[in-house]
Structures are given as C-alpha cells and as structure tokens.
Amino acid sequence: MAAEIPRKICLSLFLALGLLALEAVAPAAAKNVDEGSVKASLTLAAKAGAAMERGDLPAAQRLYETAVVANPANVAAFTGLGTVHEAREQPKLARKYYGIALSMEPSDPVALARLAGLDLATGDRPAAMERLRKLRVHCAACPETQNLSRALGLGPQDPIPAPTDP
C-alpha cells in the first residue's frame, strides 16, 4: 500500500507534465474558439434541446456532441449530453458529462441539480444535500434549487443539516 502512494504521485506528476507539454505545443487556433464556432455551438445545443423535447435521443446526442466539437467550452452542451445519457439510463456517462460541465462552471444549476438527482437515486443523500448547499449559495431562486429542496423534503428556507461524517 505504501509503495502504491508514491507510484500514484509519480503518475499524477507525469500526467500533469504531459498536459503542460501538450499545452505548450498546441497551436493558438486550438486554444481559441472563434465567434462563429461559439454561435454554431449554441445553435446546435438549442436544436439538441428541441430534439430532447421530441424524445429523439439519438439526434439530441449527435447535436450535443457536434456542439461540443464546435466549442469545447459549451457547458450547456456537456450538461445536455449528461441529460441524454440519464434519459438512456446510463448514469455513469451522465455523471461524467455533468462533471465536465461542473469542471468548467462549478455553479451550473442544471448540472448540480441533475447530479443531485442521480445521488438521490443511488441513496447518497449527503452528496445531494451538499449539491443543494452549493445551489443555494449560487442561485437560491433557481427552479433547480427549489425542486431539489422539495425532493429532499426541505422547504426553500429550511436549513440543510450538517454532514454527520464521523
């Protein structure tokens, strides 16, 4: 076990150095998304949302993926991909995409609320409570916050119990 920790540290450092090297050699065009790509990504994400509303999950997934290719910083597209995978009953993939969205925008109310819903579905109430705590800080009036409060059996102003981790 003791040898495992230094190995993990070395692996983490190696990965970090690799990412730094990749960043250094990546062309400037790869780092900056032009305005046209941002607009295209937003349009594609909107079309994907419409496909979701129609229940056309394959089209929604394809459109959200294309939106991500057009603009890898499109948080809504990653959240949408999470929603598609959640609808397809693929919670691991849904968590992955919600996590990516939250890595770019830690206070995204949709991604936080959807992850909390997945937490509740697996019985992880403390994790759902923590996500509600974050939602209340960033967007107390958001419908996602209110819906999650209700799902947890709390009113909008009820205090969130402190974690009971020993």
Foldseek 3Di string as FASTA:
>chain_A
DVVVVVVVVVVVVVVVVVVVVCVVPDDPPVVDQDPVLQVQLVVLQVVLVVCVVVVNLVSSLVSLVSSCVSPVLPLSSLQSNLVSCVVVVNNVSSLVSLVSSCVNPVQPLSSLLVVLVVCVVVPNNVSNLVSLVSNCVVPLPDPSNQVSCVVSVHHSPDDRDDDPDD
